[in-house]
Amino acid sequence: MQITSRFTAAIHILLCIAHYSDKQKVTSKFLSSSTGADPTIIRRLLGLLQTAGYVTVKAGVGGAYLVKPMQEITLFDIFRAIDASEDNLFRFYDNPGCQCPVGNNIHAVLDRHLFEIQLAMYEQMKKTNLQKLYEEIAPMLG
């Protein structure tokens, strides 16, 4: 599968911004300490989220802020902002063995099923927004 840890890190970042931005500056250093990811990776993800129109980042130690309401940001939106270059979640070896009947016919059998699975996953992602996740995690935050 092609879903990377960048996706879950981006969700983590957005939830931190939602929770902390009115309490303290949410910097890449702070987000790094929360996610366990390197600050450089955090800054790259913030840049992608800013390009997608979900956050604004004030240079230096100004911090990050949500600019779109949480209920309007779905998991699918975040996925597309972070992993937009991934068209197919499932990959095959580049050259299946054409001398083998399985290798010769695997795409004809499997491609449609995998595409349907991918679409179903996208539909589920569209049903979950950042607000829902925040409501689930908020009671755990104290």
C-alpha atoms as a PDB file:
ATOM      1  CA  MET A   1       0.000   0.000   0.000  1.00  0.00           C
ATOM      2  CA  GLN A   2       1.085   3.519  -0.650  1.00  0.00           C
ATOM      3  CA  ILE A   3      -0.359   5.256   2.406  1.00  0.00           C
ATOM      4  CA  THR A   4       2.580   6.699   4.289  1.00  0.00           C
ATOM      5  CA  SER A   5       3.032   7.866   7.858  1.00  0.00           C
ATOM      6  CA  ARG A   6       2.800  11.419   6.486  1.00  0.00           C
ATOM      7  CA  PHE A   7      -0.982  10.968   6.389  1.00  0.00           C
ATOM      8  CA  THR A   8      -1.381  10.098  10.065  1.00  0.00           C
ATOM      9  CA  ALA A   9       1.247  12.684  11.021  1.00  0.00           C
ATOM     10  CA  ALA A  10      -0.777  15.344   9.179  1.00  0.00           C
ATOM     11  CA  ILE A  11      -3.926  14.356  11.080  1.00  0.00           C
ATOM     12  CA  HIS A  12      -1.938  14.512  14.326  1.00  0.00           C
ATOM     13  CA  ILE A  13      -0.621  17.970  13.384  1.00  0.00           C
ATOM     14  CA  LEU A  14      -4.098  19.305  12.590  1.00  0.00           C
ATOM     15  CA  LEU A  15      -5.532  17.965  15.859  1.00  0.00           C
ATOM     16  CA  CYS A  16      -2.680  19.562  17.812  1.00  0.00           C
ATOM     17  CA  ILE A  17      -3.246  22.878  16.075  1.00  0.00           C
ATOM     18  CA  ALA A  18      -6.972  22.657  16.832  1.00  0.00           C
ATOM     19  CA  HIS A  19      -6.328  21.935  20.493  1.00  0.00           C
ATOM     20  CA  TYR A  20      -3.366  24.159  21.276  1.00  0.00           C
ATOM     21  CA  SER A  21      -3.455  27.169  18.954  1.00  0.00           C
ATOM     22  CA  ASP A  22      -5.565  29.265  21.335  1.00  0.00           C
ATOM     23  CA  LYS A  23      -3.390  28.244  24.326  1.00  0.00           C
ATOM     24  CA  GLN A  24       0.163  28.540  22.982  1.00  0.00           C
ATOM     25  CA  LYS A  25       2.202  28.924  19.822  1.00  0.00           C
ATOM     26  CA  VAL A  26       2.068  25.738  17.798  1.00  0.00           C
ATOM     27  CA  THR A  27       5.509  25.611  16.208  1.00  0.00           C
ATOM     28  CA  SER A  28       7.192  22.885  14.189  1.00  0.00           C
ATOM     29  CA  LYS A  29       9.377  22.178  17.233  1.00  0.00           C
ATOM     30  CA  PHE A  30       6.289  21.696  19.414  1.00  0.00           C
ATOM     31  CA  LEU A  31       4.594  19.523  16.771  1.00  0.00           C
ATOM     32  CA  SER A  32       7.785  17.514  16.412  1.00  0.00           C
ATOM     33  CA  SER A  33       7.785  16.766  20.131  1.00  0.00           C
ATOM     34  CA  SER A  34       4.152  15.637  19.935  1.00  0.00           C
ATOM     35  CA  THR A  35       4.412  13.502  16.784  1.00  0.00           C
ATOM     36  CA  GLY A  36       7.946  12.210  17.230  1.00  0.00           C
ATOM     37  CA  ALA A  37       8.730  13.316  13.661  1.00  0.00           C
ATOM     38  CA  ASP A  38      11.687  15.488  12.732  1.00  0.00           C
ATOM     39  CA  PRO A  39      10.875  19.246  12.622  1.00  0.00           C
ATOM     40  CA  THR A  40      11.914  19.315   8.956  1.00  0.00           C
ATOM     41  CA  ILE A  41       9.225  16.753   8.133  1.00  0.00           C
ATOM     42  CA  ILE A  42       6.714  18.731  10.188  1.00  0.00           C
ATOM     43  CA  ARG A  43       7.542  21.913   8.254  1.00  0.00           C
ATOM     44  CA  ARG A  44       7.130  20.060   4.956  1.00  0.00           C
ATOM     45  CA  LEU A  45       3.728  18.728   6.042  1.00  0.00           C
ATOM     46  CA  LEU A  46       2.664  22.160   7.267  1.00  0.00           C
ATOM     47  CA  GLY A  47       3.618  23.543   3.870  1.00  0.00           C
ATOM     48  CA  LEU A  48       1.429  20.973   2.118  1.00  0.00           C
ATOM     49  CA  LEU A  49      -1.461  21.650   4.504  1.00  0.00           C
ATOM     50  CA  GLN A  50      -1.040  25.386   3.948  1.00  0.00           C
ATOM     51  CA  THR A  51      -1.013  24.933   0.163  1.00  0.00           C
ATOM     52  CA  ALA A  52      -4.252  22.940   0.503  1.00  0.00           C
ATOM     53  CA  GLY A  53      -5.804  25.842   2.442  1.00  0.00           C
ATOM     54  CA  TYR A  54      -6.231  24.124   5.821  1.00  0.00           C
ATOM     55  CA  VAL A  55      -3.649  26.009   7.888  1.00  0.00           C
ATOM     56  CA  THR A  56      -1.666  29.199   7.914  1.00  0.00           C
ATOM     57  CA  VAL A  57       1.844  29.307   9.294  1.00  0.00           C
ATOM     58  CA  LYS A  58       3.370  32.490  10.617  1.00  0.00           C
ATOM     59  CA  ALA A  59       7.102  32.575   9.914  1.00  0.00           C
ATOM     60  CA  GLY A  60       9.636  32.107  12.684  1.00  0.00           C
ATOM     61  CA  VAL A  61       8.041  31.237  15.983  1.00  0.00           C
ATOM     62  CA  GLY A  62       4.634  32.669  15.070  1.00  0.00           C
ATOM     63  CA  GLY A  63       2.938  29.287  15.037  1.00  0.00           C
ATOM     64  CA  ALA A  64       0.360  27.461  12.947  1.00  0.00           C
ATOM     65  CA  TYR A  65      -3.399  28.008  12.887  1.00  0.00           C
ATOM     66  CA  LEU A  66      -6.371  26.340  11.241  1.00  0.00           C
ATOM     67  CA  VAL A  67      -7.974  28.509   8.564  1.00  0.00           C
ATOM     68  CA  LYS A  68     -10.760  26.149   7.585  1.00  0.00           C
ATOM     69  CA  PRO A  69     -13.397  24.838  10.007  1.00  0.00           C
ATOM     70  CA  MET A  70     -12.634  21.338  11.276  1.00  0.00           C
ATOM     71  CA  GLN A  71     -15.984  19.990  10.083  1.00  0.00           C
ATOM     72  CA  GLU A  72     -15.000  20.946   6.524  1.00  0.00           C
ATOM     73  CA  ILE A  73     -11.724  18.973   6.523  1.00  0.00           C
ATOM     74  CA  THR A  74     -12.192  15.263   5.860  1.00  0.00           C
ATOM     75  CA  LEU A  75      -9.648  12.483   6.085  1.00  0.00           C
ATOM     76  CA  PHE A  76      -9.873  12.253   2.300  1.00  0.00           C
ATOM     77  CA  ASP A  77      -8.989  15.962   2.021  1.00  0.00           C
ATOM     78  CA  ILE A  78      -5.960  15.455   4.242  1.00  0.00           C
ATOM     79  CA  PHE A  79      -4.922  12.352   2.332  1.00  0.00           C
ATOM     80  CA  ARG A  80      -5.087  14.189  -0.981  1.00  0.00           C
ATOM     81  CA  ALA A  81      -3.172  17.170   0.422  1.00  0.00           C
ATOM     82  CA  ILE A  82      -0.361  14.974   1.718  1.00  0.00           C
ATOM     83  CA  ASP A  83      -0.231  12.066  -0.728  1.00  0.00           C
ATOM     84  CA  ALA A  84      -1.731  13.689  -3.810  1.00  0.00           C
ATOM     85  CA  SER A  85       0.731  12.055  -6.178  1.00  0.00           C
ATOM     86  CA  GLU A  86      -0.506   8.570  -5.331  1.00  0.00           C
ATOM     87  CA  ASP A  87      -3.115   7.491  -7.873  1.00  0.00           C
ATOM     88  CA  ASN A  88      -3.122   3.793  -7.066  1.00  0.00           C
ATOM     89  CA  LEU A  89      -2.805   2.512  -3.538  1.00  0.00           C
ATOM     90  CA  PHE A  90      -1.897  -0.971  -4.699  1.00  0.00           C
ATOM     91  CA  ARG A  91       1.199  -1.707  -6.711  1.00  0.00           C
ATOM     92  CA  PHE A  92       2.329  -4.685  -8.755  1.00  0.00           C
ATOM     93  CA  TYR A  93       5.786  -5.745  -9.747  1.00  0.00           C
ATOM     94  CA  ASP A  94       6.675  -3.915 -12.926  1.00  0.00           C
ATOM     95  CA  ASN A  95       7.026  -7.008 -15.086  1.00  0.00           C
ATOM     96  CA  PRO A  96       4.871  -9.975 -14.039  1.00  0.00           C
ATOM     97  CA  GLY A  97       6.009 -13.196 -15.691  1.00  0.00           C
ATOM     98  CA  CYS A  98       4.196 -13.405 -19.022  1.00  0.00           C
ATOM     99  CA  GLN A  99       5.340 -17.029 -19.408  1.00  0.00           C
ATOM    100  CA  CYS A 100       3.226 -17.872 -16.365  1.00  0.00           C
ATOM    101  CA  PRO A 101      -0.556 -17.934 -16.849  1.00  0.00           C
ATOM    102  CA  VAL A 102      -1.072 -16.265 -13.453  1.00  0.00           C
ATOM    103  CA  GLY A 103       1.436 -13.505 -14.225  1.00  0.00           C
ATOM    104  CA  ASN A 104      -0.060 -13.056 -17.667  1.00  0.00           C
ATOM    105  CA  ASN A 105      -3.615 -12.586 -16.347  1.00  0.00           C
ATOM    106  CA  ILE A 106      -3.243 -11.106 -12.870  1.00  0.00           C
ATOM    107  CA  HIS A 107      -4.086  -7.547 -13.924  1.00  0.00           C
ATOM    108  CA  ALA A 108      -7.243  -8.607 -15.737  1.00  0.00           C
ATOM    109  CA  VAL A 109      -8.523 -10.269 -12.580  1.00  0.00           C
ATOM    110  CA  LEU A 110      -7.204  -8.141  -9.735  1.00  0.00           C
ATOM    111  CA  ASP A 111      -7.145  -4.521 -10.971  1.00  0.00           C
ATOM    112  CA  ARG A 112     -10.907  -3.990 -10.831  1.00  0.00           C
ATOM    113  CA  HIS A 113     -11.202  -5.438  -7.323  1.00  0.00           C
ATOM    114  CA  LEU A 114      -8.360  -3.332  -5.969  1.00  0.00           C
ATOM    115  CA  PHE A 115      -9.780  -0.207  -7.580  1.00  0.00           C
ATOM    116  CA  GLU A 116     -13.174  -0.883  -5.943  1.00  0.00           C
ATOM    117  CA  ILE A 117     -11.460  -1.349  -2.568  1.00  0.00           C
ATOM    118  CA  GLN A 118      -9.624   1.937  -3.055  1.00  0.00           C
ATOM    119  CA  LEU A 119     -12.844   3.778  -3.905  1.00  0.00           C
ATOM    120  CA  ALA A 120     -14.594   2.284  -0.864  1.00  0.00           C
ATOM    121  CA  MET A 121     -11.752   3.456   1.346  1.00  0.00           C
ATOM    122  CA  TYR A 122     -11.988   6.958  -0.125  1.00  0.00           C
ATOM    123  CA  GLU A 123     -15.742   7.033   0.555  1.00  0.00           C
ATOM    124  CA  GLN A 124     -15.120   6.083   4.194  1.00  0.00           C
ATOM    125  CA  MET A 125     -12.440   8.771   4.482  1.00  0.00           C
ATOM    126  CA  LYS A 126     -14.921  11.352   3.189  1.00  0.00           C
ATOM    127  CA  LYS A 127     -17.331  10.433   6.020  1.00  0.00           C
ATOM    128  CA  THR A 128     -14.848  11.307   8.778  1.00  0.00           C
ATOM    129  CA  ASN A 129     -13.908  14.915   9.365  1.00  0.00           C
ATOM    130  CA  LEU A 130     -11.420  16.538  11.697  1.00  0.00           C
ATOM    131  CA  GLN A 131     -14.225  17.772  13.964  1.00  0.00           C
ATOM    132  CA  LYS A 132     -15.377  14.200  14.601  1.00  0.00           C
ATOM    133  CA  LEU A 133     -11.856  13.101  15.472  1.00  0.00           C
ATOM    134  CA  TYR A 134     -11.363  16.099  17.740  1.00  0.00           C
ATOM    135  CA  GLU A 135     -14.603  15.335  19.571  1.00  0.00           C
ATOM    136  CA  GLU A 136     -13.370  11.794  20.131  1.00  0.00           C
ATOM    137  CA  ILE A 137      -9.946  12.812  21.418  1.00  0.00           C
ATOM    138  CA  ALA A 138     -10.984  15.927  23.407  1.00  0.00           C
ATOM    139  CA  PRO A 139     -12.210  14.014  26.506  1.00  0.00           C
ATOM    140  CA  MET A 140      -8.816  12.297  26.680  1.00  0.00           C
ATOM    141  CA  LEU A 141      -6.918  15.585  26.690  1.00  0.00           C
ATOM    142  CA  GLY A 142      -7.953  16.688  30.138  1.00  0.00           C
END
